[in-house]
């Protein structure tokens, strides 16, 4: 009887030692003192339905099915014909960076980013229209490039075209792209879900265009400083 108990104790000790050496315990892998406890629901936010649709569109996967709760709650996207068209700004579809910061050549090219695909959805709430935009780019690594993090200056702008074009909304984004080791050609995605503006008259909406393009010149400009207040005049002696 004593021999059987010693045998079982020895097996349990050996199993525990094997788990410790191979790192198989949930506590060791996750860094948690309570491996069986599920993380709070708010720790990992669920991607928005628009982001899920864009991810499916750009990857070629089927779009995720909309739940009954999502279908009944909130506003619905407006038809595509009632949404401003989206276009790539002329001359801004590519962005190339040289290794030494000079003129780009075939030998000193670090990387080149291009805009491959765009998509958008429009939503109307009261007197406000919101355009949700998805942009898929492609990064090509040059002979002087290597793995690591790079920033790509991408600008979105809403313009009312006409005899005198007028910019309604514009924003520059520094899109962070991670270049993985061993890859020279890979996609990246940027999504903006809050391009909002006052709803124009229906006759004017057809002239609205959402432009996307790389803007290296805008990225180099220093941010505008607020104007300094005028100095106060000294009070006259009374």
C-alpha atoms as a PDB file:
ATOM      1  CA  UNK A   1       0.000   0.000   0.000  1.00  0.00           C
ATOM      2  CA  UNK A   2       2.799   2.395   0.969  1.00  0.00           C
ATOM      3  CA  UNK A   3       4.640   1.541  -2.261  1.00  0.00           C
ATOM      4  CA  UNK A   4       1.592   2.391  -4.428  1.00  0.00           C
ATOM      5  CA  UNK A   5       1.167   5.752  -2.706  1.00  0.00           C
ATOM      6  CA  UNK A   6       4.843   6.554  -3.252  1.00  0.00           C
ATOM      7  CA  UNK A   7       4.495   5.635  -6.923  1.00  0.00           C
ATOM      8  CA  UNK A   8       1.475   7.955  -7.417  1.00  0.00           C
ATOM      9  CA  UNK A   9       3.259  10.793  -5.603  1.00  0.00           C
ATOM     10  CA  UNK A  10       6.310  10.331  -7.791  1.00  0.00           C
ATOM     11  CA  UNK A  11       4.219  10.466 -10.965  1.00  0.00           C
ATOM     12  CA  UNK A  12       2.453  13.663  -9.826  1.00  0.00           C
ATOM     13  CA  UNK A  13       5.792  15.307  -9.030  1.00  0.00           C
ATOM     14  CA  UNK A  14       7.212  14.340 -12.420  1.00  0.00           C
ATOM     15  CA  UNK A  15       4.135  15.684 -14.266  1.00  0.00           C
ATOM     16  CA  UNK A  16       4.303  19.018 -12.429  1.00  0.00           C
ATOM     17  CA  UNK A  17       8.013  19.296 -13.212  1.00  0.00           C
ATOM     18  CA  UNK A  18       7.377  18.558 -16.903  1.00  0.00           C
ATOM     19  CA  UNK A  19       4.691  21.269 -17.129  1.00  0.00           C
ATOM     20  CA  UNK A  20       6.991  23.791 -15.478  1.00  0.00           C
ATOM     21  CA  UNK A  21       9.893  23.019 -17.817  1.00  0.00           C
ATOM     22  CA  UNK A  22       7.840  23.192 -21.017  1.00  0.00           C
ATOM     23  CA  UNK A  23       5.923  26.311 -19.959  1.00  0.00           C
ATOM     24  CA  UNK A  24       2.576  24.633 -20.481  1.00  0.00           C
ATOM     25  CA  UNK A  25       0.721  26.173 -17.565  1.00  0.00           C
ATOM     26  CA  UNK A  26      -1.784  28.951 -18.381  1.00  0.00           C
ATOM     27  CA  UNK A  27      -0.322  31.088 -15.613  1.00  0.00           C
ATOM     28  CA  UNK A  28       3.159  30.989 -17.160  1.00  0.00           C
ATOM     29  CA  UNK A  29       1.955  31.735 -20.718  1.00  0.00           C
ATOM     30  CA  UNK A  30      -0.493  34.527 -19.924  1.00  0.00           C
ATOM     31  CA  UNK A  31       1.222  36.101 -16.936  1.00  0.00           C
ATOM     32  CA  UNK A  32      -1.953  35.745 -14.885  1.00  0.00           C
ATOM     33  CA  UNK A  33      -2.281  34.617 -11.292  1.00  0.00           C
ATOM     34  CA  UNK A  34      -5.735  33.219 -12.114  1.00  0.00           C
ATOM     35  CA  UNK A  35      -5.418  31.357 -15.435  1.00  0.00           C
ATOM     36  CA  UNK A  36      -8.959  29.967 -15.347  1.00  0.00           C
ATOM     37  CA  UNK A  37     -10.639  33.373 -14.981  1.00  0.00           C
ATOM     38  CA  UNK A  38     -11.967  34.955 -18.200  1.00  0.00           C
ATOM     39  CA  UNK A  39     -10.782  38.548 -18.903  1.00  0.00           C
ATOM     40  CA  UNK A  40     -13.344  41.321 -18.344  1.00  0.00           C
ATOM     41  CA  UNK A  41     -15.477  42.051 -21.383  1.00  0.00           C
ATOM     42  CA  UNK A  42     -14.230  45.640 -21.583  1.00  0.00           C
ATOM     43  CA  UNK A  43     -10.536  44.696 -21.804  1.00  0.00           C
ATOM     44  CA  UNK A  44     -10.673  43.663 -25.487  1.00  0.00           C
ATOM     45  CA  UNK A  45     -13.068  45.923 -27.427  1.00  0.00           C
ATOM     46  CA  UNK A  46     -14.959  44.228 -30.202  1.00  0.00           C
ATOM     47  CA  UNK A  47     -14.182  45.611 -33.673  1.00  0.00           C
ATOM     48  CA  UNK A  48     -16.931  47.796 -35.102  1.00  0.00           C
ATOM     49  CA  UNK A  49     -19.182  46.253 -37.786  1.00  0.00           C
ATOM     50  CA  UNK A  50     -17.697  48.669 -40.359  1.00  0.00           C
ATOM     51  CA  UNK A  51     -14.157  47.553 -39.558  1.00  0.00           C
ATOM     52  CA  UNK A  52     -15.216  43.932 -39.835  1.00  0.00           C
ATOM     53  CA  UNK A  53     -16.802  44.599 -43.238  1.00  0.00           C
ATOM     54  CA  UNK A  54     -13.688  46.423 -44.459  1.00  0.00           C
ATOM     55  CA  UNK A  55     -11.435  43.613 -43.243  1.00  0.00           C
ATOM     56  CA  UNK A  56     -13.597  41.102 -45.115  1.00  0.00           C
ATOM     57  CA  UNK A  57     -13.702  43.256 -48.265  1.00  0.00           C
ATOM     58  CA  UNK A  58      -9.958  43.861 -48.430  1.00  0.00           C
ATOM     59  CA  UNK A  59      -9.076  40.249 -47.644  1.00  0.00           C
ATOM     60  CA  UNK A  60     -11.616  38.726 -50.042  1.00  0.00           C
ATOM     61  CA  UNK A  61     -13.502  36.930 -47.280  1.00  0.00           C
ATOM     62  CA  UNK A  62     -17.322  36.889 -47.093  1.00  0.00           C
ATOM     63  CA  UNK A  63     -18.765  39.799 -45.120  1.00  0.00           C
ATOM     64  CA  UNK A  64     -19.850  38.862 -41.570  1.00  0.00           C
ATOM     65  CA  UNK A  65     -23.570  38.343 -41.075  1.00  0.00           C
ATOM     66  CA  UNK A  66     -25.361  41.181 -39.289  1.00  0.00           C
ATOM     67  CA  UNK A  67     -27.043  40.195 -36.058  1.00  0.00           C
ATOM     68  CA  UNK A  68     -30.704  40.968 -35.417  1.00  0.00           C
ATOM     69  CA  UNK A  69     -29.723  43.409 -32.660  1.00  0.00           C
ATOM     70  CA  UNK A  70     -27.388  45.337 -34.972  1.00  0.00           C
ATOM     71  CA  UNK A  71     -29.988  45.382 -37.742  1.00  0.00           C
ATOM     72  CA  UNK A  72     -32.630  46.910 -35.470  1.00  0.00           C
ATOM     73  CA  UNK A  73     -30.456  49.362 -33.522  1.00  0.00           C
ATOM     74  CA  UNK A  74     -29.256  52.749 -34.706  1.00  0.00           C
ATOM     75  CA  UNK A  75     -29.350  54.445 -38.108  1.00  0.00           C
ATOM     76  CA  UNK A  76     -28.870  52.593 -41.385  1.00  0.00           C
ATOM     77  CA  UNK A  77     -26.346  53.360 -44.139  1.00  0.00           C
ATOM     78  CA  UNK A  78     -27.756  55.524 -46.923  1.00  0.00           C
ATOM     79  CA  UNK A  79     -27.730  54.212 -50.508  1.00  0.00           C
ATOM     80  CA  UNK A  80     -24.414  54.455 -52.314  1.00  0.00           C
ATOM     81  CA  UNK A  81     -25.818  56.995 -54.802  1.00  0.00           C
ATOM     82  CA  UNK A  82     -26.535  59.389 -51.897  1.00  0.00           C
ATOM     83  CA  UNK A  83     -22.984  59.095 -50.541  1.00  0.00           C
ATOM     84  CA  UNK A  84     -20.099  61.320 -51.708  1.00  0.00           C
ATOM     85  CA  UNK A  85     -17.875  59.499 -54.180  1.00  0.00           C
ATOM     86  CA  UNK A  86     -14.335  58.592 -53.139  1.00  0.00           C
ATOM     87  CA  UNK A  87     -11.308  59.228 -55.321  1.00  0.00           C
ATOM     88  CA  UNK A  88      -7.510  59.124 -55.097  1.00  0.00           C
ATOM     89  CA  UNK A  89      -5.980  62.594 -55.365  1.00  0.00           C
ATOM     90  CA  UNK A  90      -4.090  63.043 -58.627  1.00  0.00           C
ATOM     91  CA  UNK A  91      -0.340  62.693 -58.101  1.00  0.00           C
ATOM     92  CA  UNK A  92      -0.760  61.396 -54.524  1.00  0.00           C
ATOM     93  CA  UNK A  93      -1.253  57.668 -55.075  1.00  0.00           C
ATOM     94  CA  UNK A  94       2.341  56.691 -54.212  1.00  0.00           C
ATOM     95  CA  UNK A  95       4.833  57.607 -51.492  1.00  0.00           C
ATOM     96  CA  UNK A  96       8.494  56.629 -51.745  1.00  0.00           C
ATOM     97  CA  UNK A  97      11.282  57.112 -49.178  1.00  0.00           C
ATOM     98  CA  UNK A  98      15.017  56.968 -49.811  1.00  0.00           C
ATOM     99  CA  UNK A  99      17.544  55.501 -47.378  1.00  0.00           C
ATOM    100  CA  UNK A 100      19.487  58.749 -46.933  1.00  0.00           C
ATOM    101  CA  UNK A 101      16.509  61.109 -47.194  1.00  0.00           C
ATOM    102  CA  UNK A 102      17.530  62.402 -50.638  1.00  0.00           C
ATOM    103  CA  UNK A 103      16.099  61.792 -54.092  1.00  0.00           C
ATOM    104  CA  UNK A 104      14.730  58.302 -54.551  1.00  0.00           C
ATOM    105  CA  UNK A 105      16.618  56.006 -56.895  1.00  0.00           C
ATOM    106  CA  UNK A 106      16.382  52.314 -57.676  1.00  0.00           C
ATOM    107  CA  UNK A 107      19.386  51.655 -55.454  1.00  0.00           C
ATOM    108  CA  UNK A 108      18.555  53.717 -52.345  1.00  0.00           C
ATOM    109  CA  UNK A 109      14.809  53.043 -52.125  1.00  0.00           C
ATOM    110  CA  UNK A 110      13.781  52.039 -48.579  1.00  0.00           C
ATOM    111  CA  UNK A 111      10.098  51.481 -49.303  1.00  0.00           C
ATOM    112  CA  UNK A 112       7.251  52.638 -51.497  1.00  0.00           C
ATOM    113  CA  UNK A 113       3.606  52.803 -50.428  1.00  0.00           C
ATOM    114  CA  UNK A 114       0.729  52.790 -52.901  1.00  0.00           C
ATOM    115  CA  UNK A 115      -3.048  53.106 -52.524  1.00  0.00           C
ATOM    116  CA  UNK A 116      -4.678  49.935 -53.814  1.00  0.00           C
ATOM    117  CA  UNK A 117      -8.392  50.054 -52.879  1.00  0.00           C
ATOM    118  CA  UNK A 118     -10.892  52.350 -51.194  1.00  0.00           C
ATOM    119  CA  UNK A 119     -14.403  51.912 -49.814  1.00  0.00           C
ATOM    120  CA  UNK A 120     -16.904  54.064 -47.936  1.00  0.00           C
ATOM    121  CA  UNK A 121     -20.294  54.055 -46.258  1.00  0.00           C
ATOM    122  CA  UNK A 122     -22.486  57.052 -45.403  1.00  0.00           C
ATOM    123  CA  UNK A 123     -24.780  57.491 -42.415  1.00  0.00           C
ATOM    124  CA  UNK A 124     -27.216  60.298 -41.678  1.00  0.00           C
ATOM    125  CA  UNK A 125     -28.312  61.274 -38.174  1.00  0.00           C
ATOM    126  CA  UNK A 126     -30.454  64.391 -37.972  1.00  0.00           C
ATOM    127  CA  UNK A 127     -28.709  67.112 -39.995  1.00  0.00           C
ATOM    128  CA  UNK A 128     -25.280  65.442 -39.880  1.00  0.00           C
ATOM    129  CA  UNK A 129     -23.778  63.073 -42.429  1.00  0.00           C
ATOM    130  CA  UNK A 130     -20.913  60.781 -41.449  1.00  0.00           C
ATOM    131  CA  UNK A 131     -18.713  59.078 -44.027  1.00  0.00           C
ATOM    132  CA  UNK A 132     -16.876  55.958 -42.899  1.00  0.00           C
ATOM    133  CA  UNK A 133     -13.807  55.350 -45.032  1.00  0.00           C
ATOM    134  CA  UNK A 134     -11.569  52.343 -45.583  1.00  0.00           C
ATOM    135  CA  UNK A 135      -8.246  52.566 -47.439  1.00  0.00           C
ATOM    136  CA  UNK A 136      -6.109  49.585 -48.367  1.00  0.00           C
ATOM    137  CA  UNK A 137      -2.509  50.338 -49.268  1.00  0.00           C
ATOM    138  CA  UNK A 138       0.405  48.199 -50.317  1.00  0.00           C
ATOM    139  CA  UNK A 139       3.968  48.478 -49.071  1.00  0.00           C
ATOM    140  CA  UNK A 140       6.857  47.496 -51.355  1.00  0.00           C
ATOM    141  CA  UNK A 141      10.257  47.159 -49.716  1.00  0.00           C
ATOM    142  CA  UNK A 142      13.248  48.491 -51.661  1.00  0.00           C
ATOM    143  CA  UNK A 143      16.852  47.243 -51.755  1.00  0.00           C
ATOM    144  CA  UNK A 144      17.859  49.694 -48.979  1.00  0.00           C
ATOM    145  CA  UNK A 145      14.905  48.828 -46.741  1.00  0.00           C
ATOM    146  CA  UNK A 146      14.449  46.386 -43.921  1.00  0.00           C
ATOM    147  CA  UNK A 147      11.950  45.245 -41.284  1.00  0.00           C
ATOM    148  CA  UNK A 148      10.648  47.636 -38.647  1.00  0.00           C
ATOM    149  CA  UNK A 149       8.066  50.364 -38.028  1.00  0.00           C
ATOM    150  CA  UNK A 150       7.529  53.188 -40.517  1.00  0.00           C
ATOM    151  CA  UNK A 151       4.994  56.022 -40.682  1.00  0.00           C
ATOM    152  CA  UNK A 152       3.094  56.881 -43.844  1.00  0.00           C
ATOM    153  CA  UNK A 153       1.490  60.366 -44.184  1.00  0.00           C
ATOM    154  CA  UNK A 154      -2.038  59.765 -45.455  1.00  0.00           C
ATOM    155  CA  UNK A 155      -4.538  62.595 -45.910  1.00  0.00           C
ATOM    156  CA  UNK A 156      -8.316  62.444 -46.216  1.00  0.00           C
ATOM    157  CA  UNK A 157     -10.205  65.490 -47.464  1.00  0.00           C
ATOM    158  CA  UNK A 158     -13.843  66.224 -48.228  1.00  0.00           C
ATOM    159  CA  UNK A 159     -14.108  68.776 -51.045  1.00  0.00           C
ATOM    160  CA  UNK A 160     -17.086  70.491 -52.624  1.00  0.00           C
ATOM    161  CA  UNK A 161     -16.092  70.560 -56.275  1.00  0.00           C
ATOM    162  CA  UNK A 162     -17.192  73.307 -58.651  1.00  0.00           C
ATOM    163  CA  UNK A 163     -15.946  76.513 -60.231  1.00  0.00           C
ATOM    164  CA  UNK A 164     -14.418  77.399 -56.872  1.00  0.00           C
ATOM    165  CA  UNK A 165     -13.657  74.146 -54.995  1.00  0.00           C
ATOM    166  CA  UNK A 166     -14.054  74.387 -51.236  1.00  0.00           C
ATOM    167  CA  UNK A 167     -12.533  72.071 -48.622  1.00  0.00           C
ATOM    168  CA  UNK A 168     -15.175  71.024 -46.090  1.00  0.00           C
ATOM    169  CA  UNK A 169     -13.062  68.669 -43.952  1.00  0.00           C
ATOM    170  CA  UNK A 170      -9.448  67.524 -44.022  1.00  0.00           C
ATOM    171  CA  UNK A 171      -7.127  65.573 -41.751  1.00  0.00           C
ATOM    172  CA  UNK A 172      -3.602  64.182 -41.979  1.00  0.00           C
ATOM    173  CA  UNK A 173      -2.892  60.749 -40.481  1.00  0.00           C
ATOM    174  CA  UNK A 174       0.492  59.282 -39.650  1.00  0.00           C
ATOM    175  CA  UNK A 175      -0.314  55.651 -40.399  1.00  0.00           C
ATOM    176  CA  UNK A 176       2.043  53.282 -38.610  1.00  0.00           C
ATOM    177  CA  UNK A 177       3.016  50.278 -40.732  1.00  0.00           C
ATOM    178  CA  UNK A 178       4.975  47.328 -39.403  1.00  0.00           C
ATOM    179  CA  UNK A 179       7.315  45.801 -41.984  1.00  0.00           C
ATOM    180  CA  UNK A 180       7.665  42.103 -41.101  1.00  0.00           C
ATOM    181  CA  UNK A 181      10.951  40.245 -41.619  1.00  0.00           C
ATOM    182  CA  UNK A 182      11.284  38.299 -44.842  1.00  0.00           C
ATOM    183  CA  UNK A 183       8.490  40.114 -46.730  1.00  0.00           C
ATOM    184  CA  UNK A 184       8.952  42.666 -49.501  1.00  0.00           C
ATOM    185  CA  UNK A 185       5.342  43.202 -50.615  1.00  0.00           C
ATOM    186  CA  UNK A 186       2.415  43.288 -48.197  1.00  0.00           C
ATOM    187  CA  UNK A 187      -0.847  45.229 -47.601  1.00  0.00           C
ATOM    188  CA  UNK A 188      -1.847  47.661 -44.851  1.00  0.00           C
ATOM    189  CA  UNK A 189      -5.230  49.183 -43.971  1.00  0.00           C
ATOM    190  CA  UNK A 190      -6.372  52.514 -42.545  1.00  0.00           C
ATOM    191  CA  UNK A 191      -9.969  53.132 -41.407  1.00  0.00           C
ATOM    192  CA  UNK A 192     -11.656  56.423 -40.456  1.00  0.00           C
ATOM    193  CA  UNK A 193     -15.181  56.215 -39.035  1.00  0.00           C
ATOM    194  CA  UNK A 194     -15.916  59.835 -38.109  1.00  0.00           C
ATOM    195  CA  UNK A 195     -15.669  62.045 -41.185  1.00  0.00           C
ATOM    196  CA  UNK A 196     -18.703  64.112 -40.185  1.00  0.00           C
ATOM    197  CA  UNK A 197     -20.108  67.327 -41.638  1.00  0.00           C
ATOM    198  CA  UNK A 198     -23.414  69.268 -41.815  1.00  0.00           C
ATOM    199  CA  UNK A 199     -25.796  67.687 -44.298  1.00  0.00           C
ATOM    200  CA  UNK A 200     -25.866  69.841 -47.471  1.00  0.00           C
ATOM    201  CA  UNK A 201     -28.817  70.317 -49.797  1.00  0.00           C
ATOM    202  CA  UNK A 202     -29.484  67.273 -52.012  1.00  0.00           C
ATOM    203  CA  UNK A 203     -28.533  69.239 -55.136  1.00  0.00           C
ATOM    204  CA  UNK A 204     -25.137  70.096 -53.599  1.00  0.00           C
ATOM    205  CA  UNK A 205     -24.322  66.631 -52.245  1.00  0.00           C
ATOM    206  CA  UNK A 206     -23.475  65.296 -55.710  1.00  0.00           C
ATOM    207  CA  UNK A 207     -20.564  67.762 -55.884  1.00  0.00           C
ATOM    208  CA  UNK A 208     -18.954  66.402 -52.677  1.00  0.00           C
ATOM    209  CA  UNK A 209     -15.888  64.180 -53.135  1.00  0.00           C
ATOM    210  CA  UNK A 210     -13.812  62.352 -50.522  1.00  0.00           C
ATOM    211  CA  UNK A 211     -10.180  62.484 -51.642  1.00  0.00           C
ATOM    212  CA  UNK A 212      -7.436  60.247 -50.298  1.00  0.00           C
ATOM    213  CA  UNK A 213      -3.723  60.541 -50.977  1.00  0.00           C
ATOM    214  CA  UNK A 214      -0.256  60.626 -49.481  1.00  0.00           C
ATOM    215  CA  UNK A 215       0.844  64.060 -48.248  1.00  0.00           C
ATOM    216  CA  UNK A 216       4.575  64.139 -47.356  1.00  0.00           C
ATOM    217  CA  UNK A 217       4.657  67.956 -47.649  1.00  0.00           C
ATOM    218  CA  UNK A 218       1.846  68.320 -45.110  1.00  0.00           C
ATOM    219  CA  UNK A 219       3.656  66.001 -42.700  1.00  0.00           C
ATOM    220  CA  UNK A 220       6.723  68.275 -42.724  1.00  0.00           C
ATOM    221  CA  UNK A 221       4.775  71.432 -41.938  1.00  0.00           C
ATOM    222  CA  UNK A 222       4.856  72.462 -38.257  1.00  0.00           C
ATOM    223  CA  UNK A 223       1.468  72.618 -36.521  1.00  0.00           C
ATOM    224  CA  UNK A 224      -0.209  75.997 -36.601  1.00  0.00           C
ATOM    225  CA  UNK A 225       0.198  78.012 -33.436  1.00  0.00           C
ATOM    226  CA  UNK A 226      -2.742  80.014 -32.068  1.00  0.00           C
ATOM    227  CA  UNK A 227      -2.394  83.772 -32.612  1.00  0.00           C
ATOM    228  CA  UNK A 228      -0.840  85.671 -29.751  1.00  0.00           C
ATOM    229  CA  UNK A 229      -3.190  88.033 -27.956  1.00  0.00           C
ATOM    230  CA  UNK A 230      -2.633  91.717 -28.653  1.00  0.00           C
ATOM    231  CA  UNK A 231      -0.748  93.506 -25.879  1.00  0.00           C
ATOM    232  CA  UNK A 232      -2.935  95.485 -23.553  1.00  0.00           C
ATOM    233  CA  UNK A 233      -2.683  99.213 -23.828  1.00  0.00           C
ATOM    234  CA  UNK A 234      -1.527 100.933 -20.645  1.00  0.00           C
ATOM    235  CA  UNK A 235      -4.273 102.664 -18.808  1.00  0.00           C
ATOM    236  CA  UNK A 236      -4.111 106.445 -18.844  1.00  0.00           C
ATOM    237  CA  UNK A 237      -3.188 108.019 -15.554  1.00  0.00           C
ATOM    238  CA  UNK A 238      -6.206 109.576 -14.001  1.00  0.00           C
END
